[in-house]
Amino acid sequence: MLDLLSDILTSLSMRGSLYFRTSFTKPWGVAVPNYENVARFHFAHRGGCLVSVDGVEETVSLAQGDLIIIPHGSSHDLYCGHLPKKTVMPLDSVLEQSGYDGTGVLVYGGDESLSETQLICGHFSFEPHAKHILIERLPPFIHLRNYGEHAGKWMEATLRVIGDEAGGHRLGGDLIALKMSEAILAQAIRSFIESNDAPEWGLGGFSDANLRRALDAFHKAATQNWTVETLAQAAGMSRTSFAVLFQKKMAMTPMEYVTSWRIEVAKNILLRPQMTLTDAAEGAGYASDSAFARVFKKETGMTPAKFRKSQTTDRAVV
């Protein structure tokens, strides 16, 4: 069985995609547009740069070895700090001017060759219908300083391999870099929820030892007849203490969390070929189709049948 974080990310259908490795020389700047249902990342493999995320006053100084995750796909600027109003260009323009064809290294910038910045850039996509508070409540950006060292020797080695393989010419290099990059987001989220900042964003329950036991038990057997009492038992706490702590750390009740996750499970089942309403109800832990349909509509604003039709239509258009 999958652990808590692995279960959540797997159910959200996370898929990694490396879109370029760079060699930027001053002066340079890139405006990355907004994308829905993605989390972007930039790793400073060599050198550094400044990062300005839309809607955030703080400008991030990304030093060599740092990683920044932009969980909600917000537009942002990457630049060297030299006259940003003149040097920051739209990503499409940068790709056109550099002649980048999607392979190898994106080479762009001015004549200061001694100021090279190498970034490994990519994104993780999620199914449009998929939702979970662990992703929705993440801050506009997560900045992990000296990431390779902070995350341990294994992650440091992973980042080195990605840096060597991404955009290279060896057989299978892109696939190796792609699959390894998917571990980056899980590691980054784990680092964030274990930090002192997580409670501020309503994610403190994932790092609380007692609450995490309850959450882990629920995710491993989501179809069981869970109540606040049984969740409290899994946490090793009294019912009242558990309910109060859960509300404080997660900004929602235990049963609100249970319901929201069961609906996500049901969505995935409904989108599988030949699966019925009964299959979705049973797979999400509901005793009857009617009870399931009622909760599903309350949570999503549409019936299970309408949800399935809407997603099928969207996928056909794509």
Protein backbone atom coordinates (compact mmCIF):
# COMPACT_ATOMS: atom_id res chain seq x y z
CA MET A 1 0.00 0.00 0.00
CA LEU A 2 1.06 3.55 -0.71
CA ASP A 3 1.92 5.96 2.08
CA LEU A 4 -0.13 9.11 2.58
CA LEU A 5 1.74 11.52 0.30
CA SER A 6 2.29 8.91 -2.41
CA ASP A 7 -1.40 8.01 -2.43
CA ILE A 8 -2.44 11.65 -2.83
CA LEU A 9 -0.01 12.47 -5.65
CA THR A 10 -0.78 9.21 -7.48
CA SER A 11 -4.52 9.84 -7.31
CA LEU A 12 -4.02 13.35 -8.68
CA SER A 13 -2.40 11.73 -11.75
CA MET A 14 0.77 13.78 -11.45
CA ARG A 15 2.95 13.62 -14.54
CA GLY A 16 6.32 15.27 -14.86
CA SER A 17 7.59 17.03 -17.97
CA LEU A 18 11.01 18.61 -18.48
CA TYR A 19 10.68 21.41 -20.96
CA PHE A 20 14.19 22.80 -21.12
CA ARG A 21 17.67 23.03 -19.71
CA THR A 22 19.20 26.47 -20.14
CA SER A 23 22.44 28.26 -20.73
CA PHE A 24 21.63 31.93 -20.07
CA THR A 25 24.24 34.69 -20.22
CA LYS A 26 23.77 38.32 -19.15
CA PRO A 27 21.73 40.23 -19.92
CA TRP A 28 18.73 37.90 -20.12
CA GLY A 29 15.17 37.54 -18.85
CA VAL A 30 12.25 35.19 -19.55
CA ALA A 31 8.55 35.77 -18.82
CA VAL A 32 6.91 32.38 -18.24
CA PRO A 33 3.13 32.49 -18.83
CA ASN A 34 0.41 31.21 -16.54
CA TYR A 35 -0.77 27.62 -16.98
CA GLU A 36 -3.63 25.87 -15.22
CA ASN A 37 -3.36 22.48 -13.51
CA VAL A 38 0.43 22.51 -13.40
CA ALA A 39 3.18 22.98 -10.85
CA ARG A 40 6.40 24.43 -12.27
CA PHE A 41 9.94 24.01 -11.00
CA HIS A 42 13.31 25.63 -11.65
CA PHE A 43 16.55 24.24 -10.28
CA ALA A 44 19.70 26.38 -10.38
CA HIS A 45 22.22 23.83 -11.60
CA ARG A 46 24.92 26.47 -12.11
CA GLY A 47 24.87 30.17 -11.30
CA GLY A 48 21.75 31.95 -10.11
CA CYS A 49 18.97 34.35 -11.03
CA LEU A 50 16.02 36.32 -9.71
CA VAL A 51 12.45 35.02 -9.78
CA SER A 52 9.38 37.26 -9.61
CA VAL A 53 6.06 35.42 -9.20
CA ASP A 54 2.88 37.17 -10.28
CA GLY A 55 0.93 38.52 -7.33
CA VAL A 56 3.84 38.21 -4.89
CA GLU A 57 5.77 41.28 -3.76
CA GLU A 58 8.86 39.36 -2.69
CA THR A 59 11.49 38.69 -5.34
CA VAL A 60 13.27 35.38 -4.88
CA SER A 61 17.03 35.20 -5.26
CA LEU A 62 17.67 31.72 -6.64
CA ALA A 63 21.27 30.76 -5.87
CA GLN A 64 23.24 27.82 -7.25
CA GLY A 65 21.81 24.64 -5.74
CA ASP A 66 18.42 26.23 -4.98
CA LEU A 67 15.08 24.88 -6.12
CA ILE A 68 11.86 26.85 -6.55
CA ILE A 69 8.47 25.21 -7.00
CA ILE A 70 5.55 27.30 -8.30
CA PRO A 71 2.66 25.00 -7.34
CA HIS A 72 -0.23 26.75 -9.09
CA GLY A 73 1.30 27.47 -12.47
CA SER A 74 1.33 31.25 -11.92
CA SER A 75 3.09 33.44 -14.45
CA HIS A 76 6.57 34.46 -13.35
CA ASP A 77 9.75 36.13 -14.58
CA LEU A 78 13.23 34.65 -14.49
CA TYR A 79 15.97 37.21 -15.02
CA CYS A 80 19.55 38.15 -14.31
CA GLY A 81 18.70 41.40 -12.52
CA HIS A 82 19.94 43.70 -15.28
CA LEU A 83 17.24 46.20 -16.38
CA PRO A 84 14.38 43.68 -16.15
CA LYS A 85 11.88 45.96 -17.91
CA LYS A 86 14.09 45.84 -20.99
CA THR A 87 15.58 42.36 -20.78
CA VAL A 88 12.59 40.20 -19.74
CA MET A 89 11.03 38.77 -22.90
CA PRO A 90 8.01 36.47 -23.37
CA LEU A 91 8.96 32.80 -23.40
CA ASP A 92 7.73 32.35 -26.98
CA SER A 93 9.97 35.20 -28.13
CA VAL A 94 12.96 33.72 -26.31
CA LEU A 95 12.36 30.34 -27.93
CA GLU A 96 12.07 31.95 -31.35
CA GLN A 97 15.13 34.16 -31.01
CA SER A 98 17.28 31.34 -29.64
CA GLY A 99 16.22 28.91 -32.35
CA TYR A 100 15.41 26.33 -29.69
CA ASP A 101 13.65 23.32 -31.23
CA GLY A 102 12.80 21.45 -28.05
CA THR A 103 15.99 19.39 -27.92
CA GLY A 104 19.36 19.98 -26.31
CA VAL A 105 20.04 23.13 -24.31
CA LEU A 106 18.23 26.46 -24.62
CA VAL A 107 21.03 28.98 -25.23
CA TYR A 108 20.02 32.61 -24.87
CA GLY A 109 21.22 35.99 -23.64
CA GLY A 110 23.97 38.54 -24.06
CA ASP A 111 27.71 38.46 -24.47
CA GLU A 112 28.81 38.05 -20.84
CA SER A 113 29.81 34.39 -21.18
CA LEU A 114 31.42 34.29 -17.73
CA SER A 115 28.01 34.88 -16.13
CA GLU A 116 26.34 31.68 -17.35
CA THR A 117 23.22 30.48 -15.52
CA GLN A 118 22.16 26.89 -16.07
CA LEU A 119 18.61 26.08 -15.04
CA ILE A 120 16.73 22.80 -15.19
CA CYS A 121 13.11 23.76 -15.79
CA GLY A 122 10.00 21.66 -15.97
CA HIS A 123 6.47 21.19 -14.79
CA PHE A 124 4.15 18.63 -13.29
CA SER A 125 0.63 18.39 -14.68
CA PHE A 126 -2.48 17.26 -12.86
CA GLU A 127 -5.84 16.11 -14.18
CA PRO A 128 -8.15 19.16 -14.50
CA HIS A 129 -10.76 17.53 -12.26
CA ALA A 130 -8.30 16.47 -9.57
CA LYS A 131 -8.26 18.46 -6.33
CA HIS A 132 -6.73 18.05 -2.91
CA ILE A 133 -5.97 20.51 -0.15
CA LEU A 134 -2.33 19.41 -0.12
CA ILE A 135 -1.87 21.02 -3.54
CA GLU A 136 -4.54 23.72 -3.36
CA ARG A 137 -3.21 25.20 -0.11
CA LEU A 138 0.45 25.34 -1.03
CA PRO A 139 1.82 28.91 -1.09
CA PRO A 140 2.48 30.76 -4.38
CA PHE A 141 6.04 29.43 -4.35
CA ILE A 142 8.25 27.11 -2.33
CA HIS A 143 11.91 28.13 -2.20
CA LEU A 144 14.26 25.42 -0.99
CA ARG A 145 17.76 26.78 -0.49
CA ASN A 146 20.77 24.61 -1.24
CA TYR A 147 18.26 21.92 -2.11
CA GLY A 148 20.59 19.08 -2.97
CA GLU A 149 22.36 19.28 0.38
CA HIS A 150 19.14 19.96 2.33
CA ALA A 151 17.29 17.01 0.81
CA GLY A 152 20.11 14.58 1.40
CA LYS A 153 22.69 12.75 -0.66
CA TRP A 154 20.08 10.80 -2.61
CA MET A 155 18.32 13.94 -3.89
CA GLU A 156 21.61 15.69 -4.53
CA ALA A 157 22.67 12.76 -6.70
CA THR A 158 19.26 12.76 -8.43
CA LEU A 159 19.59 16.42 -9.34
CA ARG A 160 23.08 15.84 -10.70
CA VAL A 161 21.78 13.00 -12.88
CA ILE A 162 18.89 15.14 -14.14
CA GLY A 163 21.35 17.90 -14.96
CA ASP A 164 23.52 15.49 -16.93
CA GLU A 165 20.67 13.70 -18.72
CA ALA A 166 18.16 16.48 -19.50
CA GLY A 167 18.53 17.65 -23.06
CA GLY A 168 21.54 15.41 -23.60
CA HIS A 169 22.22 13.06 -26.47
CA ARG A 170 22.45 9.67 -24.76
CA LEU A 171 19.71 7.14 -25.43
CA GLY A 172 16.91 7.30 -22.86
CA GLY A 173 18.32 10.42 -21.21
CA ASP A 174 15.13 12.45 -21.42
CA LEU A 175 13.03 9.63 -19.97
CA ILE A 176 15.48 9.12 -17.10
CA ALA A 177 15.46 12.85 -16.32
CA LEU A 178 11.66 12.96 -16.60
CA LYS A 179 11.00 10.11 -14.18
CA MET A 180 13.55 11.40 -11.71
CA SER A 181 11.99 14.86 -11.86
CA GLU A 182 8.69 13.46 -10.57
CA ALA A 183 10.44 12.63 -7.30
CA ILE A 184 11.42 16.30 -6.94
CA LEU A 185 7.86 17.50 -6.35
CA ALA A 186 7.15 14.81 -3.75
CA GLN A 187 10.40 15.65 -1.97
CA ALA A 188 9.71 19.39 -2.13
CA ILE A 189 6.19 19.01 -0.75
CA ARG A 190 7.46 16.74 2.00
CA SER A 191 10.12 19.30 2.92
CA PHE A 192 7.48 22.03 3.03
CA ILE A 193 4.94 20.18 5.17
CA GLU A 194 7.71 19.26 7.60
CA SER A 195 8.72 22.92 7.88
CA ASN A 196 7.46 25.54 10.31
CA ASP A 197 5.55 27.26 7.49
CA ALA A 198 3.03 24.47 6.83
CA PRO A 199 0.57 25.32 9.67
CA GLU A 200 0.21 28.85 8.31
CA TRP A 201 -1.27 27.37 5.13
CA GLY A 202 -3.63 24.89 6.81
CA LEU A 203 -1.34 21.91 6.21
CA GLY A 204 -0.05 21.37 9.73
CA GLY A 205 -1.91 18.07 10.10
CA PHE A 206 0.41 16.31 7.68
CA SER A 207 3.42 16.89 9.93
CA ASP A 208 1.63 16.26 13.24
CA ALA A 209 2.51 12.73 14.35
CA ASN A 210 -0.94 11.89 15.74
CA LEU A 211 -2.98 13.38 12.92
CA ARG A 212 -0.73 11.82 10.32
CA ARG A 213 -1.40 8.37 11.80
CA ALA A 214 -5.11 8.95 11.36
CA LEU A 215 -4.72 10.31 7.83
CA ASP A 216 -2.46 7.44 6.85
CA ALA A 217 -4.90 4.88 8.24
CA PHE A 218 -7.77 6.49 6.35
CA HIS A 219 -5.92 6.65 3.03
CA LYS A 220 -4.95 2.99 3.29
CA ALA A 221 -8.59 1.95 3.80
CA ALA A 222 -10.77 4.82 2.58
CA THR A 223 -13.85 2.62 2.04
CA GLN A 224 -14.15 1.64 5.69
CA ASN A 225 -16.93 3.17 7.79
CA TRP A 226 -14.80 6.00 9.17
CA THR A 227 -16.11 8.27 11.90
CA VAL A 228 -14.48 10.92 14.04
CA GLU A 229 -14.29 8.27 16.77
CA THR A 230 -12.47 5.68 14.65
CA LEU A 231 -10.11 8.31 13.23
CA ALA A 232 -9.34 9.46 16.77
CA GLN A 233 -8.57 5.87 17.74
CA ALA A 234 -6.15 5.58 14.81
CA ALA A 235 -4.50 8.79 16.02
CA GLY A 236 -4.28 7.49 19.59
CA MET A 237 -6.32 10.41 20.91
CA SER A 238 -9.67 11.09 22.50
CA ARG A 239 -12.49 12.01 20.13
CA THR A 240 -12.75 15.60 21.35
CA SER A 241 -9.01 16.28 21.41
CA PHE A 242 -8.63 14.81 17.95
CA ALA A 243 -11.48 16.83 16.46
CA VAL A 244 -10.22 20.08 17.97
CA LEU A 245 -6.62 19.50 16.86
CA PHE A 246 -7.68 18.45 13.36
CA GLN A 247 -9.74 21.61 12.91
CA LYS A 248 -6.87 23.73 14.19
CA LYS A 249 -4.18 22.15 12.03
CA MET A 250 -6.22 21.52 8.86
CA ALA A 251 -8.86 24.30 8.89
CA MET A 252 -11.60 21.73 8.24
CA THR A 253 -13.34 18.94 10.16
CA PRO A 254 -12.15 15.32 9.95
CA MET A 255 -15.29 14.25 8.12
CA GLU A 256 -14.98 17.10 5.63
CA TYR A 257 -11.56 15.71 4.75
CA VAL A 258 -12.95 12.17 4.50
CA THR A 259 -15.75 13.28 2.18
CA SER A 260 -13.52 15.37 -0.08
CA TRP A 261 -11.07 12.52 -0.59
CA ARG A 262 -13.79 9.96 -1.25
CA ILE A 263 -15.19 12.20 -3.97
CA GLU A 264 -11.74 12.37 -5.59
CA VAL A 265 -11.56 8.57 -5.52
CA ALA A 266 -15.02 8.42 -7.08
CA LYS A 267 -14.03 10.82 -9.87
CA ASN A 268 -11.17 8.58 -10.91
CA ILE A 269 -13.46 5.54 -10.96
CA LEU A 270 -16.14 7.34 -12.99
CA LEU A 271 -13.61 8.19 -15.68
CA ARG A 272 -12.59 4.56 -16.21
CA PRO A 273 -14.26 2.76 -19.12
CA GLN A 274 -17.19 0.47 -18.24
CA MET A 275 -17.31 1.62 -14.61
CA THR A 276 -20.82 2.21 -13.27
CA LEU A 277 -22.37 4.50 -10.69
CA THR A 278 -22.43 1.55 -8.30
CA ASP A 279 -18.72 0.91 -8.87
CA ALA A 280 -17.95 4.53 -8.02
CA ALA A 281 -20.18 4.48 -4.93
CA GLU A 282 -18.64 1.28 -3.59
CA GLY A 283 -15.12 2.34 -4.45
CA ALA A 284 -15.62 5.58 -2.52
CA GLY A 285 -17.08 3.85 0.51
CA TYR A 286 -20.78 4.60 0.11
CA ALA A 287 -23.43 2.00 0.91
CA SER A 288 -25.93 3.12 -1.73
CA ASP A 289 -25.94 4.82 -5.12
CA SER A 290 -28.43 7.44 -3.95
CA ALA A 291 -26.37 8.46 -0.91
CA PHE A 292 -23.26 8.68 -3.07
CA ALA A 293 -24.98 10.71 -5.81
CA ARG A 294 -26.36 13.14 -3.25
CA VAL A 295 -22.95 13.78 -1.67
CA PHE A 296 -21.24 13.94 -5.06
CA LYS A 297 -23.58 16.66 -6.30
CA LYS A 298 -23.21 18.61 -3.07
CA GLU A 299 -19.41 18.52 -3.33
CA THR A 300 -19.00 19.10 -7.07
CA GLY A 301 -22.18 20.90 -8.10
CA MET A 302 -23.07 18.23 -10.66
CA THR A 303 -24.38 14.69 -10.79
CA PRO A 304 -21.95 11.80 -11.37
CA ALA A 305 -23.37 11.34 -14.87
CA LYS A 306 -22.94 15.01 -15.74
CA PHE A 307 -19.38 14.99 -14.37
CA ARG A 308 -18.48 11.97 -16.50
CA LYS A 309 -19.98 13.55 -19.60
CA SER A 310 -18.19 16.87 -19.03
CA GLN A 311 -14.82 15.20 -18.61
CA THR A 312 -15.35 12.93 -21.60
CA THR A 313 -16.24 15.94 -23.75
CA ASP A 314 -13.19 17.91 -22.57
CA ARG A 315 -10.86 15.03 -23.34
CA ALA A 316 -12.39 14.57 -26.79
CA VAL A 317 -11.79 18.26 -27.56
CA VAL A 318 -8.15 18.01 -26.45
